[in-house]
PDB file of N, CA and C in Angstrom:
ATOM      1  N   MET A   1     -14.150   7.523  -8.407  1.00  0.00           N
ATOM      2  CA  MET A   1     -13.181   6.682  -7.728  1.00  0.00           C
ATOM      3  C   MET A   1     -12.918   7.166  -6.307  1.00  0.00           C
ATOM      4  N   THR A   2     -13.137   8.433  -6.048  1.00  0.00           N
ATOM      5  CA  THR A   2     -12.836   8.959  -4.722  1.00  0.00           C
ATOM      6  C   THR A   2     -13.724   8.377  -3.646  1.00  0.00           C
ATOM      7  N   HIS A   3     -14.876   7.794  -4.019  1.00  0.00           N
ATOM      8  CA  HIS A   3     -15.742   7.225  -3.001  1.00  0.00           C
ATOM      9  C   HIS A   3     -15.193   5.916  -2.445  1.00  0.00           C
ATOM     10  N   ASP A   4     -14.263   5.290  -3.140  1.00  0.00           N
ATOM     11  CA  ASP A   4     -13.698   4.020  -2.689  1.00  0.00           C
ATOM     12  C   ASP A   4     -12.410   4.191  -1.885  1.00  0.00           C
ATOM     13  N   VAL A   5     -11.839   5.357  -1.911  1.00  0.00           N
ATOM     14  CA  VAL A   5     -10.556   5.581  -1.255  1.00  0.00           C
ATOM     15  C   VAL A   5     -10.717   6.586  -0.121  1.00  0.00           C
ATOM     16  N   ASP A   6      -9.856   6.473   0.854  1.00  0.00           N
ATOM     17  CA  ASP A   6      -9.880   7.361   2.021  1.00  0.00           C
ATOM     18  C   ASP A   6      -8.671   8.295   1.909  1.00  0.00           C
ATOM     19  N   ILE A   7      -8.883   9.445   1.302  1.00  0.00           N
ATOM     20  CA  ILE A   7      -7.798  10.364   0.964  1.00  0.00           C
ATOM     21  C   ILE A   7      -6.956  10.766   2.179  1.00  0.00           C
ATOM     22  N   PRO A   8      -7.538  11.235   3.280  1.00  0.00           N
ATOM     23  CA  PRO A   8      -6.695  11.630   4.413  1.00  0.00           C
ATOM     24  C   PRO A   8      -5.836  10.470   4.944  1.00  0.00           C
ATOM     25  N   ARG A   9      -6.404   9.281   4.983  1.00  0.00           N
ATOM     26  CA  ARG A   9      -5.633   8.133   5.485  1.00  0.00           C
ATOM     27  C   ARG A   9      -4.568   7.699   4.488  1.00  0.00           C
ATOM     28  N   ILE A  10      -4.843   7.821   3.206  1.00  0.00           N
ATOM     29  CA  ILE A  10      -3.821   7.510   2.198  1.00  0.00           C
ATOM     30  C   ILE A  10      -2.647   8.460   2.380  1.00  0.00           C
ATOM     31  N   GLN A  11      -2.938   9.740   2.544  1.00  0.00           N
ATOM     32  CA  GLN A  11      -1.867  10.722   2.743  1.00  0.00           C
ATOM     33  C   GLN A  11      -1.077  10.422   4.016  1.00  0.00           C
ATOM     34  N   ALA A  12      -1.770  10.058   5.092  1.00  0.00           N
ATOM     35  CA  ALA A  12      -1.087   9.736   6.348  1.00  0.00           C
ATOM     36  C   ALA A  12      -0.238   8.478   6.195  1.00  0.00           C
ATOM     37  N   ALA A  13      -0.747   7.476   5.505  1.00  0.00           N
ATOM     38  CA  ALA A  13       0.022   6.236   5.297  1.00  0.00           C
ATOM     39  C   ALA A  13       1.252   6.506   4.443  1.00  0.00           C
ATOM     40  N   LEU A  14       1.114   7.340   3.430  1.00  0.00           N
ATOM     41  CA  LEU A  14       2.278   7.702   2.610  1.00  0.00           C
ATOM     42  C   LEU A  14       3.344   8.393   3.451  1.00  0.00           C
ATOM     43  N   THR A  15       2.922   9.308   4.298  1.00  0.00           N
ATOM     44  CA  THR A  15       3.870  10.003   5.173  1.00  0.00           C
ATOM     45  C   THR A  15       4.545   9.017   6.112  1.00  0.00           C
ATOM     46  N   LEU A  16       3.764   8.150   6.733  1.00  0.00           N
ATOM     47  CA  LEU A  16       4.321   7.166   7.653  1.00  0.00           C
ATOM     48  C   LEU A  16       5.318   6.251   6.944  1.00  0.00           C
ATOM     49  N   LEU A  17       4.946   5.710   5.793  1.00  0.00           N
ATOM     50  CA  LEU A  17       5.843   4.802   5.080  1.00  0.00           C
ATOM     51  C   LEU A  17       7.094   5.521   4.585  1.00  0.00           C
ATOM     52  N   SER A  18       6.970   6.792   4.244  1.00  0.00           N
ATOM     53  CA  SER A  18       8.140   7.565   3.816  1.00  0.00           C
ATOM     54  C   SER A  18       9.091   7.820   4.973  1.00  0.00           C
ATOM     55  N   ASP A  19       8.534   7.963   6.181  1.00  0.00           N
ATOM     56  CA  ASP A  19       9.350   8.257   7.352  1.00  0.00           C
ATOM     57  C   ASP A  19      10.010   7.021   7.955  1.00  0.00           C
ATOM     58  N   VAL A  20       9.474   5.845   7.629  1.00  0.00           N
ATOM     59  CA  VAL A  20      10.009   4.586   8.164  1.00  0.00           C
ATOM     60  C   VAL A  20      11.220   4.179   7.322  1.00  0.00           C
ATOM     61  N   SER A  21      12.198   3.556   7.955  1.00  0.00           N
ATOM     62  CA  SER A  21      13.370   3.106   7.207  1.00  0.00           C
ATOM     63  C   SER A  21      12.946   2.098   6.142  1.00  0.00           C
ATOM     64  N   PRO A  22      13.630   2.064   5.005  1.00  0.00           N
ATOM     65  CA  PRO A  22      13.271   1.128   3.936  1.00  0.00           C
ATOM     66  C   PRO A  22      13.217  -0.328   4.414  1.00  0.00           C
ATOM     67  N   GLU A  23      14.047  -0.697   5.373  1.00  0.00           N
ATOM     68  CA  GLU A  23      14.064  -2.066   5.877  1.00  0.00           C
ATOM     69  C   GLU A  23      12.801  -2.402   6.671  1.00  0.00           C
ATOM     70  N   ALA A  24      12.158  -1.399   7.232  1.00  0.00           N
ATOM     71  CA  ALA A  24      10.974  -1.620   8.064  1.00  0.00           C
ATOM     72  C   ALA A  24       9.659  -1.374   7.321  1.00  0.00           C
ATOM     73  N   ARG A  25       9.728  -0.928   6.075  1.00  0.00           N
ATOM     74  CA  ARG A  25       8.508  -0.566   5.343  1.00  0.00           C
ATOM     75  C   ARG A  25       7.566  -1.735   5.109  1.00  0.00           C
ATOM     76  N   LEU A  26       8.109  -2.885   4.777  1.00  0.00           N
ATOM     77  CA  LEU A  26       7.238  -4.035   4.508  1.00  0.00           C
ATOM     78  C   LEU A  26       6.445  -4.406   5.755  1.00  0.00           C
ATOM     79  N   LEU A  27       7.093  -4.461   6.895  1.00  0.00           N
ATOM     80  CA  LEU A  27       6.404  -4.779   8.142  1.00  0.00           C
ATOM     81  C   LEU A  27       5.371  -3.706   8.487  1.00  0.00           C
ATOM     82  N   GLN A  28       5.720  -2.452   8.292  1.00  0.00           N
ATOM     83  CA  GLN A  28       4.769  -1.367   8.571  1.00  0.00           C
ATOM     84  C   GLN A  28       3.572  -1.454   7.629  1.00  0.00           C
ATOM     85  N   LEU A  29       3.836  -1.730   6.348  1.00  0.00           N
ATOM     86  CA  LEU A  29       2.746  -1.879   5.386  1.00  0.00           C
ATOM     87  C   LEU A  29       1.852  -3.053   5.766  1.00  0.00           C
ATOM     88  N   GLU A  30       2.444  -4.155   6.170  1.00  0.00           N
ATOM     89  CA  GLU A  30       1.649  -5.306   6.609  1.00  0.00           C
ATOM     90  C   GLU A  30       0.751  -4.923   7.782  1.00  0.00           C
ATOM     91  N   ASN A  31       1.310  -4.246   8.776  1.00  0.00           N
ATOM     92  CA  ASN A  31       0.516  -3.827   9.944  1.00  0.00           C
ATOM     93  C   ASN A  31      -0.645  -2.922   9.533  1.00  0.00           C
ATOM     94  N   LEU A  32      -0.391  -1.998   8.636  1.00  0.00           N
ATOM     95  CA  LEU A  32      -1.451  -1.118   8.167  1.00  0.00           C
ATOM     96  C   LEU A  32      -2.532  -1.890   7.417  1.00  0.00           C
ATOM     97  N   CYS A  33      -2.115  -2.803   6.543  1.00  0.00           N
ATOM     98  CA  CYS A  33      -3.074  -3.573   5.740  1.00  0.00           C
ATOM     99  C   CYS A  33      -3.908  -4.514   6.598  1.00  0.00           C
ATOM    100  N   VAL A  34      -3.294  -5.151   7.570  1.00  0.00           N
ATOM    101  CA  VAL A  34      -4.028  -6.074   8.433  1.00  0.00           C
ATOM    102  C   VAL A  34      -5.142  -5.345   9.166  1.00  0.00           C
ATOM    103  N   ASN A  35      -4.876  -4.116   9.581  1.00  0.00           N
ATOM    104  CA  ASN A  35      -5.853  -3.350  10.352  1.00  0.00           C
ATOM    105  C   ASN A  35      -6.774  -2.470   9.508  1.00  0.00           C
ATOM    106  N   ASN A  36      -6.379  -2.175   8.270  1.00  0.00           N
ATOM    107  CA  ASN A  36      -7.133  -1.187   7.491  1.00  0.00           C
ATOM    108  C   ASN A  36      -7.334  -1.557   6.025  1.00  0.00           C
ATOM    109  N   GLY A  37      -7.039  -2.791   5.674  1.00  0.00           N
ATOM    110  CA  GLY A  37      -7.153  -3.153   4.265  1.00  0.00           C
ATOM    111  C   GLY A  37      -7.161  -4.653   4.087  1.00  0.00           C
ATOM    112  N   SER A  38      -6.400  -5.098   3.119  1.00  0.00           N
ATOM    113  CA  SER A  38      -6.347  -6.511   2.783  1.00  0.00           C
ATOM    114  C   SER A  38      -4.893  -6.970   2.674  1.00  0.00           C
ATOM    115  N   TRP A  39      -4.532  -7.959   3.491  1.00  0.00           N
ATOM    116  CA  TRP A  39      -3.194  -8.558   3.480  1.00  0.00           C
ATOM    117  C   TRP A  39      -3.409 -10.068   3.503  1.00  0.00           C
ATOM    118  N   SER A  40      -3.374 -10.685   2.351  1.00  0.00           N
ATOM    119  CA  SER A  40      -3.644 -12.121   2.258  1.00  0.00           C
ATOM    120  C   SER A  40      -2.384 -12.939   2.018  1.00  0.00           C
ATOM    121  N   ILE A  41      -1.257 -12.361   2.344  1.00  0.00           N
ATOM    122  CA  ILE A  41       0.026 -13.020   2.110  1.00  0.00           C
ATOM    123  C   ILE A  41       0.341 -13.935   3.288  1.00  0.00           C
ATOM    124  N   PRO A  42       0.597 -15.228   3.018  1.00  0.00           N
ATOM    125  CA  PRO A  42       0.915 -16.148   4.112  1.00  0.00           C
ATOM    126  C   PRO A  42       2.243 -15.789   4.774  1.00  0.00           C
ATOM    127  N   LYS A  43       2.367 -16.122   6.056  1.00  0.00           N
ATOM    128  CA  LYS A  43       3.608 -15.827   6.790  1.00  0.00           C
ATOM    129  C   LYS A  43       4.824 -16.442   6.107  1.00  0.00           C
ATOM    130  N   ASN A  44       4.708 -17.689   5.677  1.00  0.00           N
ATOM    131  CA  ASN A  44       5.827 -18.352   5.003  1.00  0.00           C
ATOM    132  C   ASN A  44       5.610 -18.268   3.494  1.00  0.00           C
ATOM    133  N   HIS A  45       5.775 -17.061   2.963  1.00  0.00           N
ATOM    134  CA  HIS A  45       5.509 -16.829   1.562  1.00  0.00           C
ATOM    135  C   HIS A  45       6.540 -17.460   0.633  1.00  0.00           C
ATOM    136  N   SER A  46       7.658 -17.911   1.152  1.00  0.00           N
ATOM    137  CA  SER A  46       8.684 -18.522   0.309  1.00  0.00           C
ATOM    138  C   SER A  46       8.259 -19.900  -0.209  1.00  0.00           C
ATOM    139  N   ASP A  47       7.189 -20.472   0.334  1.00  0.00           N
ATOM    140  CA  ASP A  47       6.691 -21.763  -0.136  1.00  0.00           C
ATOM    141  C   ASP A  47       5.982 -21.659  -1.479  1.00  0.00           C
ATOM    142  N   TYR A  48       5.679 -20.444  -1.909  1.00  0.00           N
ATOM    143  CA  TYR A  48       4.915 -20.235  -3.127  1.00  0.00           C
ATOM    144  C   TYR A  48       5.774 -19.573  -4.189  1.00  0.00           C
ATOM    145  N   SER A  49       5.889 -20.247  -5.336  1.00  0.00           N
ATOM    146  CA  SER A  49       6.679 -19.683  -6.415  1.00  0.00           C
ATOM    147  C   SER A  49       6.257 -20.332  -7.724  1.00  0.00           C
ATOM    148  N   PRO A  50       6.046 -19.610  -8.759  1.00  0.00           N
ATOM    149  CA  PRO A  50       5.985 -18.146  -8.790  1.00  0.00           C
ATOM    150  C   PRO A  50       4.706 -17.656  -8.139  1.00  0.00           C
ATOM    151  N   VAL A  51       4.737 -16.410  -7.752  1.00  0.00           N
ATOM    152  CA  VAL A  51       3.577 -15.833  -7.076  1.00  0.00           C
ATOM    153  C   VAL A  51       3.478 -14.357  -7.421  1.00  0.00           C
ATOM    154  N   LEU A  52       2.263 -13.857  -7.361  1.00  0.00           N
ATOM    155  CA  LEU A  52       2.015 -12.435  -7.515  1.00  0.00           C
ATOM    156  C   LEU A  52       1.318 -11.981  -6.244  1.00  0.00           C
ATOM    157  N   TYR A  53       1.996 -11.182  -5.448  1.00  0.00           N
ATOM    158  CA  TYR A  53       1.461 -10.701  -4.179  1.00  0.00           C
ATOM    159  C   TYR A  53       0.525  -9.528  -4.438  1.00  0.00           C
ATOM    160  N   GLU A  54      -0.609  -9.518  -3.739  1.00  0.00           N
ATOM    161  CA  GLU A  54      -1.589  -8.461  -3.917  1.00  0.00           C
ATOM    162  C   GLU A  54      -2.087  -7.987  -2.554  1.00  0.00           C
ATOM    163  N   ILE A  55      -2.116  -6.662  -2.391  1.00  0.00           N
ATOM    164  CA  ILE A  55      -2.604  -6.060  -1.151  1.00  0.00           C
ATOM    165  C   ILE A  55      -3.519  -4.892  -1.494  1.00  0.00           C
ATOM    166  N   SER A  56      -4.191  -4.377  -0.480  1.00  0.00           N
ATOM    167  CA  SER A  56      -4.991  -3.174  -0.635  1.00  0.00           C
ATOM    168  C   SER A  56      -4.966  -2.434   0.702  1.00  0.00           C
ATOM    169  N   LEU A  57      -4.816  -1.134   0.628  1.00  0.00           N
ATOM    170  CA  LEU A  57      -4.805  -0.308   1.832  1.00  0.00           C
ATOM    171  C   LEU A  57      -5.570   0.979   1.542  1.00  0.00           C
ATOM    172  N   PHE A  58      -6.619   1.224   2.322  1.00  0.00           N
ATOM    173  CA  PHE A  58      -7.453   2.410   2.168  1.00  0.00           C
ATOM    174  C   PHE A  58      -7.972   2.563   0.738  1.00  0.00           C
ATOM    175  N   GLY A  59      -8.281   1.447   0.097  1.00  0.00           N
ATOM    176  CA  GLY A  59      -8.827   1.472  -1.253  1.00  0.00           C
ATOM    177  C   GLY A  59      -7.797   1.533  -2.357  1.00  0.00           C
ATOM    178  N   VAL A  60      -6.520   1.510  -2.015  1.00  0.00           N
ATOM    179  CA  VAL A  60      -5.452   1.548  -3.019  1.00  0.00           C
ATOM    180  C   VAL A  60      -4.828   0.158  -3.117  1.00  0.00           C
ATOM    181  N   PRO A  61      -4.971  -0.509  -4.270  1.00  0.00           N
ATOM    182  CA  PRO A  61      -4.379  -1.827  -4.433  1.00  0.00           C
ATOM    183  C   PRO A  61      -2.935  -1.722  -4.934  1.00  0.00           C
ATOM    184  N   ALA A  62      -2.188  -2.784  -4.691  1.00  0.00           N
ATOM    185  CA  ALA A  62      -0.826  -2.880  -5.228  1.00  0.00           C
ATOM    186  C   ALA A  62      -0.492  -4.355  -5.412  1.00  0.00           C
ATOM    187  N   ILE A  63       0.343  -4.625  -6.406  1.00  0.00           N
ATOM    188  CA  ILE A  63       0.807  -5.987  -6.653  1.00  0.00           C
ATOM    189  C   ILE A  63       2.311  -5.959  -6.889  1.00  0.00           C
ATOM    190  N   ALA A  64       2.939  -7.123  -6.679  1.00  0.00           N
ATOM    191  CA  ALA A  64       4.370  -7.273  -6.945  1.00  0.00           C
ATOM    192  C   ALA A  64       4.694  -8.756  -7.032  1.00  0.00           C
ATOM    193  N   ASP A  65       5.680  -9.081  -7.837  1.00  0.00           N
ATOM    194  CA  ASP A  65       6.128 -10.472  -7.896  1.00  0.00           C
ATOM    195  C   ASP A  65       7.240 -10.731  -6.886  1.00  0.00           C
ATOM    196  N   ASP A  66       7.739  -9.669  -6.270  1.00  0.00           N
ATOM    197  CA  ASP A  66       8.737  -9.748  -5.204  1.00  0.00           C
ATOM    198  C   ASP A  66       8.147  -9.012  -4.001  1.00  0.00           C
ATOM    199  N   ILE A  67       7.946  -9.717  -2.916  1.00  0.00           N
ATOM    200  CA  ILE A  67       7.281  -9.128  -1.740  1.00  0.00           C
ATOM    201  C   ILE A  67       7.987  -7.867  -1.244  1.00  0.00           C
ATOM    202  N   GLU A  68       9.278  -7.782  -1.412  1.00  0.00           N
ATOM    203  CA  GLU A  68      10.022  -6.612  -0.950  1.00  0.00           C
ATOM    204  C   GLU A  68       9.665  -5.354  -1.734  1.00  0.00           C
ATOM    205  N   ARG A  69       9.057  -5.512  -2.894  1.00  0.00           N
ATOM    206  CA  ARG A  69       8.699  -4.358  -3.724  1.00  0.00           C
ATOM    207  C   ARG A  69       7.287  -3.832  -3.430  1.00  0.00           C
ATOM    208  N   LEU A  70       6.529  -4.553  -2.609  1.00  0.00           N
ATOM    209  CA  LEU A  70       5.162  -4.124  -2.310  1.00  0.00           C
ATOM    210  C   LEU A  70       5.069  -2.711  -1.732  1.00  0.00           C
ATOM    211  N   PRO A  71       5.893  -2.340  -0.756  1.00  0.00           N
ATOM    212  CA  PRO A  71       5.774  -0.978  -0.218  1.00  0.00           C
ATOM    213  C   PRO A  71       5.974   0.103  -1.290  1.00  0.00           C
ATOM    214  N   ASP A  72       6.998  -0.043  -2.108  1.00  0.00           N
ATOM    215  CA  ASP A  72       7.241   0.950  -3.157  1.00  0.00           C
ATOM    216  C   ASP A  72       6.103   0.980  -4.166  1.00  0.00           C
ATOM    217  N   ASN A  73       5.590  -0.199  -4.525  1.00  0.00           N
ATOM    218  CA  ASN A  73       4.489  -0.249  -5.484  1.00  0.00           C
ATOM    219  C   ASN A  73       3.225   0.377  -4.914  1.00  0.00           C
ATOM    220  N   TRP A  74       2.938   0.116  -3.629  1.00  0.00           N
ATOM    221  CA  TRP A  74       1.756   0.725  -3.024  1.00  0.00           C
ATOM    222  C   TRP A  74       1.929   2.240  -2.942  1.00  0.00           C
ATOM    223  N   MET A  75       3.094   2.687  -2.538  1.00  0.00           N
ATOM    224  CA  MET A  75       3.342   4.120  -2.426  1.00  0.00           C
ATOM    225  C   MET A  75       3.210   4.803  -3.790  1.00  0.00           C
ATOM    226  N   ARG A  76       3.709   4.175  -4.838  1.00  0.00           N
ATOM    227  CA  ARG A  76       3.596   4.729  -6.189  1.00  0.00           C
ATOM    228  C   ARG A  76       2.120   4.808  -6.603  1.00  0.00           C
ATOM    229  N   ALA A  77       1.370   3.740  -6.363  1.00  0.00           N
ATOM    230  CA  ALA A  77      -0.055   3.732  -6.717  1.00  0.00           C
ATOM    231  C   ALA A  77      -0.813   4.809  -5.942  1.00  0.00           C
ATOM    232  N   ALA A  78      -0.522   4.949  -4.657  1.00  0.00           N
ATOM    233  CA  ALA A  78      -1.187   5.958  -3.834  1.00  0.00           C
ATOM    234  C   ALA A  78      -0.878   7.368  -4.337  1.00  0.00           C
ATOM    235  N   ARG A  79       0.387   7.619  -4.660  1.00  0.00           N
ATOM    236  CA  ARG A  79       0.755   8.949  -5.176  1.00  0.00           C
ATOM    237  C   ARG A  79       0.053   9.228  -6.502  1.00  0.00           C
ATOM    238  N   ASN A  80      -0.042   8.212  -7.356  1.00  0.00           N
ATOM    239  CA  ASN A  80      -0.717   8.395  -8.646  1.00  0.00           C
ATOM    240  C   ASN A  80      -2.191   8.729  -8.448  1.00  0.00           C
ATOM    241  N   ILE A  81      -2.835   8.069  -7.510  1.00  0.00           N
ATOM    242  CA  ILE A  81      -4.243   8.360  -7.226  1.00  0.00           C
ATOM    243  C   ILE A  81      -4.390   9.783  -6.692  1.00  0.00           C
ATOM    244  N   LEU A  82      -3.534  10.172  -5.769  1.00  0.00           N
ATOM    245  CA  LEU A  82      -3.618  11.523  -5.216  1.00  0.00           C
ATOM    246  C   LEU A  82      -3.338  12.588  -6.276  1.00  0.00           C
ATOM    247  N   ARG A  83      -2.396  12.302  -7.174  1.00  0.00           N
ATOM    248  CA  ARG A  83      -2.085  13.244  -8.246  1.00  0.00           C
ATOM    249  C   ARG A  83      -3.261  13.422  -9.195  1.00  0.00           C
ATOM    250  N   GLY A  84      -4.050  12.376  -9.379  1.00  0.00           N
ATOM    251  CA  GLY A  84      -5.159  12.424 -10.312  1.00  0.00           C
ATOM    252  C   GLY A  84      -6.420  13.065  -9.765  1.00  0.00           C
ATOM    253  N   LEU A  85      -6.420  13.415  -8.499  1.00  0.00           N
ATOM    254  CA  LEU A  85      -7.611  14.004  -7.882  1.00  0.00           C
ATOM    255  C   LEU A  85      -7.724  15.486  -8.219  1.00  0.00           C
ATOM    256  N   PRO A  86      -8.939  15.967  -8.365  1.00  0.00           N
ATOM    257  CA  PRO A  86      -9.109  17.413  -8.489  1.00  0.00           C
ATOM    258  C   PRO A  86      -8.565  18.094  -7.223  1.00  0.00           C
ATOM    259  N   ALA A  87      -8.141  19.303  -7.337  1.00  0.00           N
ATOM    260  CA  ALA A  87      -7.509  20.013  -6.213  1.00  0.00           C
ATOM    261  C   ALA A  87      -8.383  20.037  -4.974  1.00  0.00           C
ATOM    262  N   ARG A  88      -9.692  20.143  -5.107  1.00  0.00           N
ATOM    263  CA  ARG A  88     -10.573  20.212  -3.937  1.00  0.00           C
ATOM    264  C   ARG A  88     -10.614  18.889  -3.187  1.00  0.00           C
ATOM    265  N   ASP A  89     -10.442  17.732  -3.889  1.00  0.00           N
ATOM    266  CA  ASP A  89     -10.474  16.426  -3.236  1.00  0.00           C
ATOM    267  C   ASP A  89      -9.144  16.081  -2.575  1.00  0.00           C
ATOM    268  N   ALA A  90      -8.054  16.586  -3.090  1.00  0.00           N
ATOM    269  CA  ALA A  90      -6.730  16.238  -2.581  1.00  0.00           C
ATOM    270  C   ALA A  90      -6.380  17.001  -1.319  1.00  0.00           C
ATOM    271  N   ALA A  91      -7.068  18.073  -1.030  1.00  0.00           N
ATOM    272  CA  ALA A  91      -6.729  18.898   0.139  1.00  0.00           C
ATOM    273  C   ALA A  91      -7.235  18.281   1.422  1.00  0.00           C
TER     274      ALA A  91
END
């Protein structure tokens, strides 16, 4: 699985998202995904209901039924991937 993910960038994105205020995390995550992953969420996402939002950043996917939960879900998924790596890959 490590061949599909970019460990140093995942760690940097986690640090950045942790340092950003919770109110700004969704916008920061969108900016990161647009430039480095997949962000297929329409600007006017309120037109779609029910919906399951899906993104990917540096090989780490995340989903949520509430767009505001995407940053936390991505951060949780990224931490889980990093935790599962052998010590030599996580450094």
